[in-house]
Amino acid sequence: MIESSSDPLGARRRPRILRLLGWGALALALIALLVYGGYRYLLTTPWGPSFTLFADGHRAEHFQAMDQVFPSVPIQAGTEVRELVIDARSLPARYPFAGEERETEAFLARTETTGLVVLRADTLVHEEYRSGWTDTSPATTWSVVKSVVSALVGIALAEGSIESLDDPVTRYVPELAGSGYDGVPLRHLLTMSSGVDFDESYQSTFSDINWIFIRSMARGQPMLEYYAELERIREPGVYNEYVSSDTGVLAHVLARATGIPPARYLESRIWQPAGMETDAFWNTDRSGDEIGFCCLNAVLRDWARFGLLYLEDGMRDRSRILPDGWVTRSVEPEAPHLEPGPNPDSHWTFGYGYKWWIPEDREDGEFTAIGVYGQYIYVNPARGVVVVKAGTDPRFDDHDHESVALFRAIAREVGRDPVSRLEAGGR
């Protein structure tokens, strides 16, 4: 029996299949070209910067131009600027960390530092800028603004606009009734202890911290509506977990309690009285509400002046700006779950006050504000030093402890000899 290897039907099908594959490949290529062309077009529109906001090679540009990324409202400086005395000093060349001596310059480069300002009291002892930044660059310091919101809450409390930190959130923002924030006392928002479920994973596209921007900026949904959808996963006041929504809600509490938008409140209560030298701006969602958990933009010298306000117990010269005792309350843990060090009731080893971080193995009564990508306001009361650092560090979570180690070395180098807590303003 002779077997035939010919397959006339298969031979006829092969050219057809090849043609279909060819047309399919061409269609995919055209779709890819259209997507790429659309993306390149979007980069030329006002939406462009938001697509490359966190991209390598773009962060240094965007972090000093956030008014081109998101909507914003201005904050005007006053006429009575607090002048800084200039007495330039060198930074320590090395600092101790993890049992070894490390190079300061190498760390500043590794963490993509864009600016560094150091004050000893009201004396500017060091100032430097990198990656195209200057002393006029309005730095967005991301979550550092949370410490500013805390200061405004203290002022509103002293003025009587907020009656008590034990007031429930819904007393001021009734739209949150039925949400995870229903009935949560304000103090638990100040200490990141609300018990509300909010995913802060920056690397996850669909995490809450990313999705809230997508829905707000792309769809125009007010962020307050997003907060109203959040649920509670534990009782308030028992566990310290960093969720930005707590501070976002506090900004709405401020606006409702005072009847003044947070930017205007900041301008009249802190920015002008403290003697900031330049105008600032605060990014908003597309409904016009300030983004309370981030995106306040100012030159580094003014961020240092804000740190100086905390260094001097809320005073400027003999004028009180922050309520008496508020600084002390803000930088001391008020409950066991907020204590620094290994803590089963906290998500991290840094302790927490009212939107200020407290390093473990605390030295000289120090405390710090921290923002993603390497933003800091570090205050060392005993040595009279404020350090402000801005950056675009993609590994920011890995460098907080080392940053504090460098700040401590700077404080020892340029600061005064340690003084007692009483002499340091009661802290």
Protein backbone atom coordinates (compact mmCIF):
# COMPACT_ATOMS: atom_id res chain seq x y z
CA MET A 1 0.00 0.00 0.00
CA ILE A 2 1.40 3.34 -1.06
CA GLU A 3 0.69 6.30 1.29
CA SER A 4 0.34 9.71 -0.29
CA SER A 5 1.94 12.67 1.50
CA SER A 6 -0.03 15.21 -0.49
CA ASP A 7 -2.69 17.31 1.28
CA PRO A 8 -4.38 19.59 -1.24
CA LEU A 9 -6.86 20.96 1.30
CA GLY A 10 -4.09 21.79 3.80
CA ALA A 11 -2.07 23.42 1.07
CA ARG A 12 -4.98 25.67 0.23
CA ARG A 13 -5.53 26.61 3.88
CA ARG A 14 -1.94 27.61 4.66
CA PRO A 15 -1.86 30.80 2.51
CA ARG A 16 -5.19 31.86 4.02
CA ILE A 17 -3.89 31.34 7.56
CA LEU A 18 -0.71 33.22 6.73
CA ARG A 19 -2.73 36.09 5.31
CA LEU A 20 -4.90 36.20 8.43
CA LEU A 21 -1.83 36.18 10.65
CA GLY A 22 -0.34 38.96 8.61
CA TRP A 23 -3.46 41.10 8.85
CA GLY A 24 -3.64 40.38 12.58
CA ALA A 25 -0.05 41.45 13.09
CA LEU A 26 -0.69 44.59 11.06
CA ALA A 27 -3.78 45.39 13.12
CA LEU A 28 -1.86 44.93 16.37
CA ALA A 29 0.92 47.16 15.06
CA LEU A 30 -1.61 49.85 14.11
CA ILE A 31 -3.26 49.64 17.54
CA ALA A 32 0.13 49.91 19.24
CA LEU A 33 0.99 52.88 17.04
CA LEU A 34 -2.30 54.59 17.89
CA VAL A 35 -1.83 53.95 21.63
CA TYR A 36 1.73 55.28 21.49
CA GLY A 37 0.63 58.28 19.43
CA GLY A 38 -2.19 58.97 21.87
CA TYR A 39 0.20 58.72 24.79
CA ARG A 40 2.69 61.08 23.13
CA TYR A 41 -0.16 63.51 22.45
CA LEU A 42 -1.33 63.37 26.06
CA LEU A 43 2.19 64.28 27.18
CA THR A 44 1.79 67.60 25.34
CA THR A 45 -1.48 68.44 27.11
CA PRO A 46 -2.02 69.71 30.67
CA TRP A 47 -2.48 66.06 31.62
CA GLY A 48 1.03 65.22 30.42
CA PRO A 49 2.99 65.66 33.67
CA SER A 50 0.61 63.39 35.60
CA PHE A 51 1.57 60.45 33.37
CA THR A 52 5.29 60.83 34.14
CA LEU A 53 5.00 62.23 37.67
CA PHE A 54 6.95 59.43 39.36
CA ALA A 55 8.97 58.24 36.36
CA ASP A 56 12.75 58.10 36.55
CA GLY A 57 14.21 61.20 35.00
CA HIS A 58 11.04 63.24 35.56
CA ARG A 59 10.60 63.40 39.34
CA ALA A 60 13.11 66.21 39.91
CA GLU A 61 11.32 68.28 37.28
CA HIS A 62 7.78 67.63 38.46
CA PHE A 63 8.37 67.85 42.22
CA GLN A 64 9.15 71.56 41.81
CA ALA A 65 6.32 72.23 39.35
CA MET A 66 3.26 70.61 40.86
CA ASP A 67 1.06 73.51 39.77
CA GLN A 68 1.51 72.08 36.26
CA VAL A 69 0.49 68.60 37.40
CA PHE A 70 -2.64 69.18 39.50
CA PRO A 71 -4.92 72.16 40.16
CA SER A 72 -3.80 74.39 43.02
CA VAL A 73 -4.65 77.41 45.16
CA PRO A 74 -2.11 80.07 46.23
CA ILE A 75 -0.89 80.89 49.74
CA GLN A 76 0.49 84.40 49.99
CA ALA A 77 3.51 85.33 52.07
CA GLY A 78 3.32 88.40 54.27
CA THR A 79 5.44 91.53 54.40
CA GLU A 80 7.25 90.78 57.68
CA VAL A 81 9.66 88.10 56.55
CA ARG A 82 11.61 86.29 59.23
CA GLU A 83 15.19 86.93 58.16
CA LEU A 84 17.76 84.19 58.52
CA VAL A 85 21.35 84.93 59.52
CA ILE A 86 23.88 83.33 57.15
CA ASP A 87 26.80 81.43 58.69
CA ALA A 88 27.83 78.75 56.20
CA ARG A 89 29.27 75.53 57.61
CA SER A 90 30.35 72.26 56.04
CA LEU A 91 28.41 69.08 56.67
CA PRO A 92 30.13 66.21 58.46
CA ALA A 93 31.92 64.12 55.84
CA ARG A 94 30.80 60.88 57.52
CA TYR A 95 28.14 59.61 59.86
CA PRO A 96 27.67 56.36 61.80
CA PHE A 97 25.03 53.90 60.66
CA ALA A 98 24.57 50.14 60.96
CA GLY A 99 27.88 49.73 62.74
CA GLU A 100 29.99 51.52 60.14
CA GLU A 101 31.04 54.97 59.00
CA ARG A 102 29.28 56.07 55.83
CA GLU A 103 29.99 58.90 53.40
CA THR A 104 27.60 61.85 53.53
CA GLU A 105 28.06 62.77 49.88
CA ALA A 106 27.44 59.19 48.75
CA PHE A 107 24.18 59.06 50.71
CA LEU A 108 22.96 62.40 49.37
CA ALA A 109 23.62 61.16 45.84
CA ARG A 110 22.15 57.72 46.46
CA THR A 111 18.91 59.18 47.80
CA GLU A 112 18.60 61.58 44.86
CA THR A 113 18.71 64.66 47.07
CA THR A 114 17.40 67.80 45.37
CA GLY A 115 17.88 70.21 48.26
CA LEU A 116 19.23 70.37 51.80
CA VAL A 117 18.81 73.23 54.28
CA VAL A 118 20.15 73.28 57.83
CA LEU A 119 19.28 75.86 60.52
CA ARG A 120 20.86 76.38 63.92
CA ALA A 121 18.08 78.40 65.53
CA ASP A 122 17.50 81.25 63.04
CA THR A 123 20.95 80.91 61.47
CA LEU A 124 21.24 79.27 58.05
CA VAL A 125 24.36 77.14 58.33
CA HIS A 126 24.04 75.02 55.20
CA GLU A 127 22.10 75.20 51.94
CA GLU A 128 22.58 73.26 48.73
CA TYR A 129 20.55 72.28 45.68
CA ARG A 130 20.93 69.62 43.01
CA SER A 131 19.24 68.23 39.88
CA GLY A 132 18.23 71.65 38.60
CA TRP A 133 16.71 72.88 41.86
CA THR A 134 17.44 76.31 43.36
CA ASP A 135 16.45 78.32 46.42
CA THR A 136 13.37 79.48 44.49
CA SER A 137 12.08 75.97 43.68
CA PRO A 138 8.66 75.33 45.29
CA ALA A 139 9.29 71.87 46.69
CA THR A 140 6.40 69.49 47.08
CA THR A 141 7.17 67.52 50.20
CA TRP A 142 4.24 65.11 49.93
CA SER A 143 3.23 63.85 53.38
CA VAL A 144 5.20 66.50 55.24
CA VAL A 145 2.01 68.54 54.84
CA LYS A 146 0.37 66.20 57.35
CA SER A 147 2.39 67.92 60.09
CA VAL A 148 1.08 71.27 58.81
CA VAL A 149 -2.51 70.02 59.03
CA SER A 150 -1.77 68.98 62.61
CA ALA A 151 -0.63 72.52 63.42
CA LEU A 152 -3.83 73.95 61.93
CA VAL A 153 -5.95 71.53 63.98
CA GLY A 154 -4.19 72.76 67.12
CA ILE A 155 -4.95 76.37 66.22
CA ALA A 156 -8.60 75.58 65.43
CA LEU A 157 -8.89 73.81 68.78
CA ALA A 158 -7.43 76.80 70.64
CA GLU A 159 -9.72 79.20 68.80
CA GLY A 160 -12.78 77.12 69.68
CA SER A 161 -13.70 76.20 66.11
CA ILE A 162 -13.06 72.59 67.12
CA GLU A 163 -14.50 71.96 70.56
CA SER A 164 -12.60 68.81 71.48
CA LEU A 165 -10.29 66.20 69.95
CA ASP A 166 -12.79 63.66 71.28
CA ASP A 167 -15.48 65.03 68.95
CA PRO A 168 -16.54 62.49 66.30
CA VAL A 169 -15.59 63.27 62.72
CA THR A 170 -19.23 63.25 61.67
CA ARG A 171 -19.99 66.22 63.91
CA TYR A 172 -18.13 68.33 61.35
CA VAL A 173 -18.43 66.25 58.16
CA PRO A 174 -21.84 64.55 58.24
CA GLU A 175 -21.32 63.14 54.74
CA LEU A 176 -19.12 60.50 56.37
CA ALA A 177 -22.01 58.99 58.33
CA GLY A 178 -22.20 55.29 57.56
CA SER A 179 -18.58 55.14 56.45
CA GLY A 180 -15.60 53.75 58.33
CA TYR A 181 -15.13 57.24 59.79
CA ASP A 182 -18.58 57.38 61.35
CA GLY A 183 -18.10 58.23 65.03
CA VAL A 184 -14.27 58.14 64.99
CA PRO A 185 -12.81 60.78 67.38
CA LEU A 186 -10.58 63.43 65.83
CA ARG A 187 -7.60 62.44 68.00
CA HIS A 188 -7.51 59.04 66.31
CA LEU A 189 -7.19 60.74 62.94
CA LEU A 190 -4.35 62.87 64.32
CA THR A 191 -2.52 59.72 65.44
CA MET A 192 -3.23 57.52 62.41
CA SER A 193 -5.36 55.22 64.53
CA SER A 194 -8.77 55.46 62.88
CA GLY A 195 -9.10 51.74 62.13
CA VAL A 196 -10.21 52.60 58.57
CA ASP A 197 -9.17 50.33 55.69
CA PHE A 198 -7.03 52.34 53.24
CA ASP A 199 -4.34 50.65 51.14
CA GLU A 200 -1.20 52.84 51.14
CA SER A 201 0.78 50.63 48.71
CA TYR A 202 2.43 52.98 46.23
CA GLN A 203 3.57 50.14 43.95
CA SER A 204 0.06 48.73 43.48
CA THR A 205 -1.90 50.37 40.67
CA PHE A 206 -5.26 49.75 42.31
CA SER A 207 -4.31 50.65 45.87
CA ASP A 208 -6.36 53.37 47.52
CA ILE A 209 -3.49 55.88 47.52
CA ASN A 210 -3.20 55.55 43.72
CA TRP A 211 -6.85 54.98 42.88
CA ILE A 212 -8.02 58.06 44.76
CA PHE A 213 -5.94 60.21 42.39
CA ILE A 214 -7.19 58.36 39.32
CA ARG A 215 -10.82 58.82 40.31
CA SER A 216 -10.32 62.40 41.43
CA MET A 217 -8.15 63.73 38.62
CA ALA A 218 -9.36 61.62 35.68
CA ARG A 219 -13.03 61.31 36.64
CA GLY A 220 -13.43 64.50 38.65
CA GLN A 221 -14.78 62.73 41.75
CA PRO A 222 -14.31 64.80 44.94
CA MET A 223 -11.94 63.03 47.31
CA LEU A 224 -14.49 63.41 50.09
CA GLU A 225 -16.77 61.03 48.19
CA TYR A 226 -13.94 58.50 48.10
CA TYR A 227 -13.44 58.80 51.87
CA ALA A 228 -17.17 58.16 52.34
CA GLU A 229 -16.78 54.76 50.65
CA LEU A 230 -14.06 53.51 53.01
CA GLU A 231 -14.82 50.85 55.60
CA ARG A 232 -13.47 50.16 59.08
CA ILE A 233 -11.40 47.05 59.78
CA ARG A 234 -10.67 47.55 63.50
CA GLU A 235 -11.72 49.63 66.45
CA PRO A 236 -10.33 53.19 66.52
CA GLY A 237 -7.51 54.06 68.88
CA VAL A 238 -5.88 50.65 69.28
CA TYR A 239 -3.47 50.30 66.34
CA ASN A 240 -1.18 52.78 64.56
CA GLU A 241 -1.44 52.25 60.80
CA TYR A 242 -0.37 54.88 58.31
CA VAL A 243 -3.37 55.80 56.15
CA SER A 244 -3.36 59.09 54.27
CA SER A 245 -7.13 59.29 54.26
CA ASP A 246 -7.06 60.18 57.98
CA THR A 247 -5.34 63.46 57.21
CA GLY A 248 -7.42 64.06 54.11
CA VAL A 249 -10.54 63.85 56.26
CA LEU A 250 -8.99 66.19 58.87
CA ALA A 251 -8.57 68.84 56.18
CA HIS A 252 -12.32 68.66 55.55
CA VAL A 253 -12.95 68.89 59.30
CA LEU A 254 -10.83 72.07 59.36
CA ALA A 255 -12.74 73.62 56.48
CA ARG A 256 -16.13 72.85 58.04
CA ALA A 257 -15.19 73.79 61.60
CA THR A 258 -13.52 77.10 60.74
CA GLY A 259 -15.55 78.05 57.68
CA ILE A 260 -12.23 78.82 55.98
CA PRO A 261 -10.47 76.72 53.30
CA PRO A 262 -7.27 75.14 54.67
CA ALA A 263 -5.02 77.17 52.35
CA ARG A 264 -6.52 80.45 53.54
CA TYR A 265 -6.38 79.27 57.15
CA LEU A 266 -2.72 78.36 56.76
CA GLU A 267 -1.99 81.70 55.13
CA SER A 268 -3.53 83.79 57.91
CA ARG A 269 -2.59 81.66 60.95
CA ILE A 270 0.91 80.43 60.08
CA TRP A 271 2.37 81.45 56.72
CA GLN A 272 2.25 85.18 57.21
CA PRO A 273 2.69 85.36 61.03
CA ALA A 274 5.70 82.99 60.89
CA GLY A 275 7.39 85.20 58.31
CA MET A 276 7.61 82.93 55.30
CA GLU A 277 9.55 84.59 52.48
CA THR A 278 7.70 83.38 49.38
CA ASP A 279 4.22 82.49 48.24
CA ALA A 280 3.31 78.81 48.36
CA PHE A 281 0.54 76.79 46.74
CA TRP A 282 -1.55 73.80 47.73
CA ASN A 283 -2.78 71.29 45.15
CA THR A 284 -6.49 70.51 45.07
CA ASP A 285 -8.73 67.86 43.64
CA ARG A 286 -10.86 68.86 40.67
CA SER A 287 -13.70 69.97 42.93
CA GLY A 288 -11.38 72.62 44.39
CA ASP A 289 -10.75 71.06 47.82
CA GLU A 290 -7.18 71.01 49.11
CA ILE A 291 -5.61 67.55 49.10
CA GLY A 292 -5.14 67.42 52.84
CA PHE A 293 -2.73 64.50 52.95
CA CYS A 294 -0.14 65.92 50.56
CA CYS A 295 0.89 68.42 47.96
CA LEU A 296 1.68 71.67 49.76
CA ASN A 297 4.49 73.34 47.82
CA ALA A 298 7.04 75.88 49.16
CA VAL A 299 10.72 76.78 48.98
CA LEU A 300 12.96 74.84 51.34
CA ARG A 301 13.82 77.88 53.43
CA ASP A 302 10.15 78.28 54.29
CA TRP A 303 9.85 74.60 55.12
CA ALA A 304 12.78 75.21 57.46
CA ARG A 305 10.95 78.16 59.00
CA PHE A 306 8.02 75.83 59.70
CA GLY A 307 10.44 73.49 61.47
CA LEU A 308 11.83 76.50 63.35
CA LEU A 309 8.32 77.25 64.58
CA TYR A 310 8.27 73.82 66.23
CA LEU A 311 11.83 74.20 67.48
CA GLU A 312 10.77 77.39 69.30
CA ASP A 313 7.62 75.91 70.85
CA GLY A 314 5.25 77.59 68.44
CA MET A 315 6.65 81.08 68.95
CA ARG A 316 8.14 83.71 66.67
CA ASP A 317 10.12 86.08 68.84
CA ARG A 318 7.58 86.95 71.55
CA SER A 319 4.49 86.25 69.46
CA ARG A 320 2.69 82.95 69.93
CA ILE A 321 1.57 81.32 66.70
CA LEU A 322 0.86 77.75 67.79
CA PRO A 323 -1.15 77.22 70.98
CA ASP A 324 0.78 76.92 74.22
CA GLY A 325 1.60 73.26 74.81
CA TRP A 326 0.58 72.08 71.34
CA VAL A 327 4.13 71.29 70.21
CA THR A 328 4.74 69.14 73.28
CA ARG A 329 1.47 67.28 72.76
CA SER A 330 2.26 66.79 69.08
CA VAL A 331 5.65 65.14 69.48
CA GLU A 332 5.00 62.78 72.40
CA PRO A 333 3.11 59.47 72.03
CA GLU A 334 -0.15 59.65 73.95
CA ALA A 335 -0.92 55.92 73.97
CA PRO A 336 1.04 52.63 74.06
CA HIS A 337 0.30 51.78 70.42
CA LEU A 338 2.09 54.98 69.40
CA GLU A 339 5.36 54.31 71.21
CA PRO A 340 8.56 53.93 69.13
CA GLY A 341 10.49 50.68 68.92
CA PRO A 342 9.21 47.14 68.28
CA ASN A 343 5.49 47.49 68.92
CA PRO A 344 2.89 44.81 68.12
CA ASP A 345 0.22 47.49 67.86
CA SER A 346 2.02 49.61 65.27
CA HIS A 347 2.86 49.08 61.62
CA TRP A 348 6.34 50.56 62.01
CA THR A 349 9.16 51.05 64.50
CA PHE A 350 9.01 54.85 64.51
CA GLY A 351 6.63 56.23 67.10
CA TYR A 352 3.90 58.71 66.28
CA GLY A 353 2.49 61.87 67.77
CA TYR A 354 0.07 64.29 66.13
CA LYS A 355 1.35 63.80 62.55
CA TRP A 356 5.01 63.83 63.67
CA TRP A 357 7.29 60.79 63.68
CA ILE A 358 9.41 59.84 66.70
CA PRO A 359 12.53 57.75 65.91
CA GLU A 360 13.34 54.79 68.10
CA ASP A 361 16.35 55.26 70.39
CA ARG A 362 15.35 58.89 70.42
CA GLU A 363 18.09 61.48 70.92
CA ASP A 364 17.77 65.09 72.13
CA GLY A 365 13.96 65.07 71.98
CA GLU A 366 14.10 64.79 68.17
CA PHE A 367 11.09 64.38 65.89
CA THR A 368 10.56 64.49 62.15
CA ALA A 369 8.01 64.96 59.41
CA ILE A 370 8.39 62.51 56.52
CA GLY A 371 7.13 62.47 52.95
CA VAL A 372 7.49 59.85 50.22
CA TYR A 373 10.50 59.96 47.90
CA GLY A 374 12.73 61.33 50.64
CA GLN A 375 11.20 64.51 52.10
CA TYR A 376 11.97 65.48 55.70
CA ILE A 377 11.72 68.22 58.30
CA TYR A 378 13.88 67.03 61.19
CA VAL A 379 13.86 68.97 64.47
CA ASN A 380 16.42 68.49 67.26
CA PRO A 381 15.32 70.69 70.19
CA ALA A 382 18.27 70.04 72.49
CA ARG A 383 20.81 71.09 69.88
CA GLY A 384 18.64 73.79 68.32
CA VAL A 385 18.83 72.34 64.81
CA VAL A 386 16.34 71.99 61.94
CA VAL A 387 17.21 69.94 58.84
CA VAL A 388 15.09 69.99 55.69
CA LYS A 389 15.83 67.48 52.95
CA ALA A 390 14.02 67.09 49.63
CA GLY A 391 14.60 64.34 47.12
CA THR A 392 13.31 61.96 44.50
CA ASP A 393 14.47 58.72 46.12
CA PRO A 394 12.59 55.70 44.71
CA ARG A 395 13.77 53.58 47.69
CA PHE A 396 12.55 56.05 50.28
CA ASP A 397 11.11 53.38 52.59
CA ASP A 398 14.55 51.84 52.97
CA HIS A 399 16.30 55.07 53.94
CA ASP A 400 14.31 56.67 56.77
CA HIS A 401 16.52 55.27 59.53
CA GLU A 402 19.71 56.17 57.70
CA SER A 403 18.40 59.68 57.03
CA VAL A 404 17.82 60.17 60.75
CA ALA A 405 21.36 58.93 61.42
CA LEU A 406 22.71 61.58 59.04
CA PHE A 407 20.52 64.30 60.58
CA ARG A 408 21.80 63.40 64.04
CA ALA A 409 25.38 63.70 62.82
CA ILE A 410 24.60 67.09 61.29
CA ALA A 411 22.99 68.26 64.55
CA ARG A 412 26.05 67.18 66.53
CA GLU A 413 28.34 68.97 64.06
CA VAL A 414 26.60 72.33 63.74
CA GLY A 415 24.31 72.48 66.79
CA ARG A 416 24.83 73.64 70.31
CA ASP A 417 25.70 71.36 73.19
CA PRO A 418 22.62 69.49 74.42
CA VAL A 419 20.54 71.32 76.97
CA SER A 420 17.89 70.12 79.34
CA ARG A 421 14.35 69.48 78.13
CA LEU A 422 13.17 72.48 80.16
CA GLU A 423 15.71 74.76 78.51
CA ALA A 424 14.81 73.33 75.10
CA GLY A 425 11.26 74.65 75.44
CA GLY A 426 9.77 71.94 77.62
CA ARG A 427 10.19 69.12 75.06
